[in-house]
Amino acid sequence: MLPVTTQFTGATIIAKANVYFDGGVISHTILLPGGEKRTLGQIRTGSYHFNTDAPERMEIIAGDCRVTVDGEAQARDFPAGTYFDVPGKSGFAIQVKAGICEYVCSFLA
């Protein structure tokens, strides 16, 4: 696996949080030079399902999670330092069994 991204230079941060599942998942949008958009977030203990419009890469930077990408039969574990890709017009189920999972989401369009 490639190393996960943990620092951004020259980024603009949107202060207003994106809040999902009654606060179970919270993220902030960052805009990088050249127009690239990412989100940085935390997922609390629980199970959640997200739909995707564009292809996404979810880099896990702290904690761990269990993920099933829509259409795949097996759930896979992702500890800190790993990532998974999700196709556009798809989705994924994510479970955090304990603590908080932190991530960086990149939109791969």
N, C-alpha and C. Protein backbone atom coordinates (compact mmCIF):
# COMPACT_ATOMS: atom_id res chain seq x y z
N MET A 1 0.83 -1.19 0.00
CA MET A 1 0.00 0.00 0.00
C MET A 1 0.87 1.25 0.00
N LEU A 2 0.38 2.29 -0.61
CA LEU A 2 1.05 3.58 -0.58
C LEU A 2 0.91 4.21 0.79
N PRO A 3 1.85 5.08 1.18
CA PRO A 3 1.67 5.77 2.47
C PRO A 3 0.45 6.68 2.44
N VAL A 4 -0.26 6.76 3.55
CA VAL A 4 -1.44 7.62 3.61
C VAL A 4 -1.03 9.07 3.81
N THR A 5 -1.89 9.99 3.40
CA THR A 5 -1.64 11.42 3.48
C THR A 5 -2.02 11.93 4.86
N THR A 6 -1.10 12.63 5.52
CA THR A 6 -1.42 13.16 6.84
C THR A 6 -1.15 14.65 6.96
N GLN A 7 -0.66 15.29 5.88
CA GLN A 7 -0.40 16.72 5.94
C GLN A 7 -0.65 17.32 4.56
N PHE A 8 -1.20 18.54 4.55
CA PHE A 8 -1.52 19.23 3.30
C PHE A 8 -0.91 20.63 3.34
N THR A 9 -0.25 21.02 2.28
CA THR A 9 0.37 22.34 2.18
C THR A 9 -0.47 23.22 1.27
N GLY A 10 -0.69 24.46 1.68
CA GLY A 10 -1.42 25.40 0.84
C GLY A 10 -2.91 25.14 0.76
N ALA A 11 -3.47 24.46 1.73
CA ALA A 11 -4.89 24.09 1.69
C ALA A 11 -5.77 25.19 2.27
N THR A 12 -7.00 25.26 1.75
CA THR A 12 -8.05 26.09 2.33
C THR A 12 -9.01 25.15 3.05
N ILE A 13 -9.31 25.45 4.31
CA ILE A 13 -10.19 24.60 5.11
C ILE A 13 -11.55 25.28 5.25
N ILE A 14 -12.61 24.51 5.01
CA ILE A 14 -13.98 25.00 5.21
C ILE A 14 -14.34 24.69 6.67
N ALA A 15 -14.60 25.72 7.45
CA ALA A 15 -14.81 25.55 8.89
C ALA A 15 -16.11 24.81 9.23
N LYS A 16 -17.16 25.01 8.44
CA LYS A 16 -18.45 24.37 8.70
C LYS A 16 -18.32 22.86 8.53
N ALA A 17 -18.67 22.12 9.57
CA ALA A 17 -18.56 20.66 9.55
C ALA A 17 -19.66 20.02 8.71
N ASN A 18 -19.34 18.88 8.12
CA ASN A 18 -20.32 17.99 7.49
C ASN A 18 -20.67 16.96 8.56
N VAL A 19 -21.92 16.94 9.01
CA VAL A 19 -22.33 16.07 10.11
C VAL A 19 -23.31 15.03 9.57
N TYR A 20 -23.01 13.76 9.80
CA TYR A 20 -23.84 12.64 9.33
C TYR A 20 -24.21 11.75 10.51
N PHE A 21 -25.32 11.06 10.38
CA PHE A 21 -25.74 10.05 11.36
C PHE A 21 -25.74 10.62 12.79
N ASP A 22 -26.43 11.76 12.95
CA ASP A 22 -26.56 12.39 14.27
C ASP A 22 -25.22 12.59 14.98
N GLY A 23 -24.19 12.92 14.22
CA GLY A 23 -22.88 13.18 14.78
C GLY A 23 -21.97 11.97 14.85
N GLY A 24 -22.44 10.83 14.37
CA GLY A 24 -21.60 9.62 14.35
C GLY A 24 -20.41 9.75 13.42
N VAL A 25 -20.58 10.57 12.38
CA VAL A 25 -19.51 10.84 11.41
C VAL A 25 -19.47 12.35 11.19
N ILE A 26 -18.29 12.93 11.37
CA ILE A 26 -18.11 14.36 11.18
C ILE A 26 -16.87 14.58 10.32
N SER A 27 -17.00 15.44 9.31
CA SER A 27 -15.84 15.74 8.47
C SER A 27 -15.78 17.22 8.16
N HIS A 28 -14.62 17.66 7.68
CA HIS A 28 -14.41 19.02 7.20
C HIS A 28 -13.81 18.93 5.80
N THR A 29 -14.21 19.85 4.95
CA THR A 29 -13.73 19.89 3.57
C THR A 29 -12.46 20.73 3.50
N ILE A 30 -11.49 20.23 2.73
CA ILE A 30 -10.31 21.02 2.43
C ILE A 30 -10.19 21.13 0.92
N LEU A 31 -9.76 22.29 0.47
CA LEU A 31 -9.55 22.55 -0.95
C LEU A 31 -8.06 22.75 -1.16
N LEU A 32 -7.49 22.00 -2.09
CA LEU A 32 -6.06 22.06 -2.36
C LEU A 32 -5.79 22.92 -3.59
N PRO A 33 -4.57 23.42 -3.72
CA PRO A 33 -4.22 24.18 -4.92
C PRO A 33 -4.55 23.34 -6.17
N GLY A 34 -5.09 23.98 -7.19
CA GLY A 34 -5.47 23.26 -8.40
C GLY A 34 -6.91 22.78 -8.37
N GLY A 35 -7.63 23.03 -7.26
CA GLY A 35 -9.04 22.70 -7.20
C GLY A 35 -9.38 21.34 -6.64
N GLU A 36 -8.39 20.55 -6.25
CA GLU A 36 -8.67 19.23 -5.69
C GLU A 36 -9.36 19.38 -4.33
N LYS A 37 -10.38 18.53 -4.10
CA LYS A 37 -11.17 18.58 -2.86
C LYS A 37 -11.01 17.27 -2.11
N ARG A 38 -10.84 17.39 -0.79
CA ARG A 38 -10.78 16.21 0.09
C ARG A 38 -11.59 16.51 1.34
N THR A 39 -11.89 15.47 2.08
CA THR A 39 -12.50 15.68 3.39
C THR A 39 -11.66 14.95 4.43
N LEU A 40 -11.61 15.53 5.62
CA LEU A 40 -10.94 14.94 6.77
C LEU A 40 -12.01 14.66 7.80
N GLY A 41 -12.04 13.46 8.34
CA GLY A 41 -13.13 13.19 9.26
C GLY A 41 -12.84 12.15 10.32
N GLN A 42 -13.84 12.01 11.20
CA GLN A 42 -13.82 11.03 12.27
C GLN A 42 -15.11 10.24 12.24
N ILE A 43 -14.99 8.94 12.49
CA ILE A 43 -16.14 8.06 12.56
C ILE A 43 -16.15 7.44 13.96
N ARG A 44 -17.24 7.67 14.68
CA ARG A 44 -17.38 7.12 16.02
C ARG A 44 -17.81 5.65 15.95
N THR A 45 -17.74 4.99 17.08
CA THR A 45 -18.17 3.60 17.16
C THR A 45 -19.58 3.45 16.59
N GLY A 46 -19.77 2.48 15.71
CA GLY A 46 -21.07 2.23 15.10
C GLY A 46 -20.92 1.70 13.69
N SER A 47 -22.06 1.52 13.03
CA SER A 47 -22.10 1.04 11.64
C SER A 47 -22.85 2.05 10.80
N TYR A 48 -22.31 2.35 9.63
CA TYR A 48 -22.86 3.38 8.75
C TYR A 48 -22.75 2.94 7.30
N HIS A 49 -23.62 3.49 6.46
CA HIS A 49 -23.54 3.23 5.01
C HIS A 49 -23.49 4.55 4.28
N PHE A 50 -22.56 4.66 3.34
CA PHE A 50 -22.41 5.86 2.51
C PHE A 50 -22.57 5.49 1.05
N ASN A 51 -23.22 6.36 0.30
CA ASN A 51 -23.29 6.25 -1.16
C ASN A 51 -22.24 7.18 -1.75
N THR A 52 -21.74 6.83 -2.93
CA THR A 52 -20.75 7.66 -3.61
C THR A 52 -21.29 8.14 -4.94
N ASP A 53 -20.99 9.37 -5.28
CA ASP A 53 -21.26 9.88 -6.63
C ASP A 53 -20.02 9.63 -7.49
N ALA A 54 -18.90 10.20 -7.06
CA ALA A 54 -17.63 10.02 -7.76
C ALA A 54 -16.82 8.92 -7.07
N PRO A 55 -15.84 8.36 -7.76
CA PRO A 55 -14.95 7.41 -7.10
C PRO A 55 -14.23 8.07 -5.93
N GLU A 56 -14.01 7.31 -4.86
CA GLU A 56 -13.37 7.84 -3.66
C GLU A 56 -12.27 6.91 -3.17
N ARG A 57 -11.28 7.51 -2.53
CA ARG A 57 -10.26 6.74 -1.79
C ARG A 57 -10.37 7.17 -0.33
N MET A 58 -10.55 6.21 0.54
CA MET A 58 -10.62 6.46 1.99
C MET A 58 -9.31 5.98 2.62
N GLU A 59 -8.52 6.93 3.10
CA GLU A 59 -7.26 6.63 3.77
C GLU A 59 -7.52 6.64 5.28
N ILE A 60 -7.20 5.58 5.95
CA ILE A 60 -7.41 5.49 7.40
C ILE A 60 -6.12 5.98 8.07
N ILE A 61 -6.23 7.07 8.84
CA ILE A 61 -5.03 7.66 9.44
C ILE A 61 -4.91 7.37 10.94
N ALA A 62 -5.99 6.94 11.58
CA ALA A 62 -5.95 6.56 13.00
C ALA A 62 -7.14 5.64 13.28
N GLY A 63 -6.96 4.72 14.22
CA GLY A 63 -8.03 3.78 14.52
C GLY A 63 -8.10 2.69 13.47
N ASP A 64 -9.23 2.01 13.42
CA ASP A 64 -9.44 0.98 12.40
C ASP A 64 -10.92 0.81 12.14
N CYS A 65 -11.22 0.13 11.03
CA CYS A 65 -12.61 -0.07 10.63
C CYS A 65 -12.73 -1.35 9.82
N ARG A 66 -13.96 -1.76 9.64
CA ARG A 66 -14.30 -2.92 8.81
C ARG A 66 -15.23 -2.41 7.72
N VAL A 67 -14.92 -2.74 6.46
CA VAL A 67 -15.62 -2.15 5.32
C VAL A 67 -16.10 -3.22 4.36
N THR A 68 -17.32 -3.03 3.86
CA THR A 68 -17.84 -3.83 2.76
C THR A 68 -18.24 -2.85 1.66
N VAL A 69 -17.52 -2.90 0.54
CA VAL A 69 -17.88 -2.08 -0.62
C VAL A 69 -19.08 -2.72 -1.28
N ASP A 70 -20.07 -1.91 -1.67
CA ASP A 70 -21.27 -2.44 -2.32
C ASP A 70 -20.87 -3.37 -3.47
N GLY A 71 -21.52 -4.52 -3.53
CA GLY A 71 -21.26 -5.50 -4.57
C GLY A 71 -20.19 -6.52 -4.22
N GLU A 72 -19.45 -6.29 -3.13
CA GLU A 72 -18.44 -7.25 -2.70
C GLU A 72 -19.02 -8.15 -1.60
N ALA A 73 -18.66 -9.41 -1.60
CA ALA A 73 -19.22 -10.36 -0.65
C ALA A 73 -18.54 -10.28 0.72
N GLN A 74 -17.25 -9.98 0.74
CA GLN A 74 -16.49 -10.03 1.98
C GLN A 74 -16.22 -8.65 2.55
N ALA A 75 -16.37 -8.53 3.86
CA ALA A 75 -15.92 -7.33 4.58
C ALA A 75 -14.42 -7.44 4.78
N ARG A 76 -13.73 -6.31 4.77
CA ARG A 76 -12.28 -6.28 4.97
C ARG A 76 -11.94 -5.29 6.09
N ASP A 77 -10.88 -5.61 6.82
CA ASP A 77 -10.42 -4.75 7.91
C ASP A 77 -9.37 -3.78 7.39
N PHE A 78 -9.45 -2.52 7.85
CA PHE A 78 -8.51 -1.48 7.46
C PHE A 78 -7.99 -0.76 8.70
N PRO A 79 -6.77 -1.08 9.10
CA PRO A 79 -6.15 -0.37 10.23
C PRO A 79 -5.52 0.94 9.75
N ALA A 80 -5.07 1.75 10.69
CA ALA A 80 -4.37 2.98 10.36
C ALA A 80 -3.21 2.68 9.41
N GLY A 81 -3.04 3.55 8.42
CA GLY A 81 -1.97 3.39 7.44
C GLY A 81 -2.39 2.65 6.19
N THR A 82 -3.68 2.31 6.08
CA THR A 82 -4.17 1.62 4.89
C THR A 82 -5.28 2.45 4.24
N TYR A 83 -5.72 2.01 3.07
CA TYR A 83 -6.81 2.71 2.38
C TYR A 83 -7.65 1.72 1.59
N PHE A 84 -8.84 2.17 1.21
CA PHE A 84 -9.68 1.41 0.29
C PHE A 84 -10.30 2.36 -0.71
N ASP A 85 -10.59 1.84 -1.91
CA ASP A 85 -11.21 2.62 -2.98
C ASP A 85 -12.66 2.17 -3.17
N VAL A 86 -13.49 3.14 -3.50
CA VAL A 86 -14.91 2.87 -3.74
C VAL A 86 -15.26 3.44 -5.12
N PRO A 87 -15.89 2.65 -5.98
CA PRO A 87 -16.27 3.17 -7.30
C PRO A 87 -17.33 4.27 -7.19
N GLY A 88 -17.41 5.09 -8.23
CA GLY A 88 -18.48 6.08 -8.30
C GLY A 88 -19.82 5.40 -8.48
N LYS A 89 -20.89 6.09 -8.10
CA LYS A 89 -22.25 5.56 -8.20
C LYS A 89 -22.36 4.22 -7.51
N SER A 90 -21.73 4.11 -6.35
CA SER A 90 -21.71 2.89 -5.57
C SER A 90 -21.90 3.26 -4.10
N GLY A 91 -21.25 2.54 -3.21
CA GLY A 91 -21.34 2.85 -1.79
C GLY A 91 -20.54 1.86 -0.98
N PHE A 92 -20.56 2.06 0.33
CA PHE A 92 -19.85 1.15 1.22
C PHE A 92 -20.46 1.21 2.62
N ALA A 93 -20.40 0.08 3.30
CA ALA A 93 -20.78 -0.01 4.72
C ALA A 93 -19.48 0.02 5.51
N ILE A 94 -19.46 0.81 6.58
CA ILE A 94 -18.26 0.92 7.41
C ILE A 94 -18.66 0.74 8.87
N GLN A 95 -17.86 -0.06 9.58
CA GLN A 95 -18.12 -0.32 10.98
C GLN A 95 -16.86 -0.01 11.79
N VAL A 96 -17.04 0.75 12.85
CA VAL A 96 -15.98 1.01 13.82
C VAL A 96 -16.41 0.32 15.11
N LYS A 97 -15.64 -0.65 15.54
CA LYS A 97 -16.04 -1.46 16.70
C LYS A 97 -15.75 -0.77 18.02
N ALA A 98 -14.72 0.08 18.08
CA ALA A 98 -14.37 0.76 19.33
C ALA A 98 -13.59 2.03 19.02
N GLY A 99 -13.77 3.04 19.83
CA GLY A 99 -13.00 4.26 19.68
C GLY A 99 -13.45 5.08 18.48
N ILE A 100 -12.49 5.78 17.90
CA ILE A 100 -12.74 6.66 16.76
C ILE A 100 -11.80 6.29 15.63
N CYS A 101 -12.32 6.23 14.43
CA CYS A 101 -11.54 6.01 13.22
C CYS A 101 -11.41 7.36 12.51
N GLU A 102 -10.19 7.78 12.20
CA GLU A 102 -9.96 9.04 11.48
C GLU A 102 -9.56 8.73 10.05
N TYR A 103 -10.03 9.56 9.12
CA TYR A 103 -9.80 9.29 7.70
C TYR A 103 -9.58 10.57 6.90
N VAL A 104 -9.00 10.36 5.71
CA VAL A 104 -8.93 11.38 4.66
C VAL A 104 -9.62 10.77 3.45
N CYS A 105 -10.61 11.47 2.91
CA CYS A 105 -11.32 11.00 1.72
C CYS A 105 -10.89 11.85 0.54
N SER A 106 -10.39 11.20 -0.50
CA SER A 106 -10.02 11.86 -1.75
C SER A 106 -11.02 11.49 -2.83
N PHE A 107 -11.42 12.47 -3.61
CA PHE A 107 -12.36 12.24 -4.71
C PHE A 107 -11.54 12.04 -5.97
N LEU A 108 -11.66 10.84 -6.58
CA LEU A 108 -10.75 10.40 -7.63
C LEU A 108 -11.20 10.72 -9.05
N ALA A 109 -12.33 11.37 -9.20
CA ALA A 109 -12.88 11.66 -10.53
C ALA A 109 -11.86 11.59 -11.56
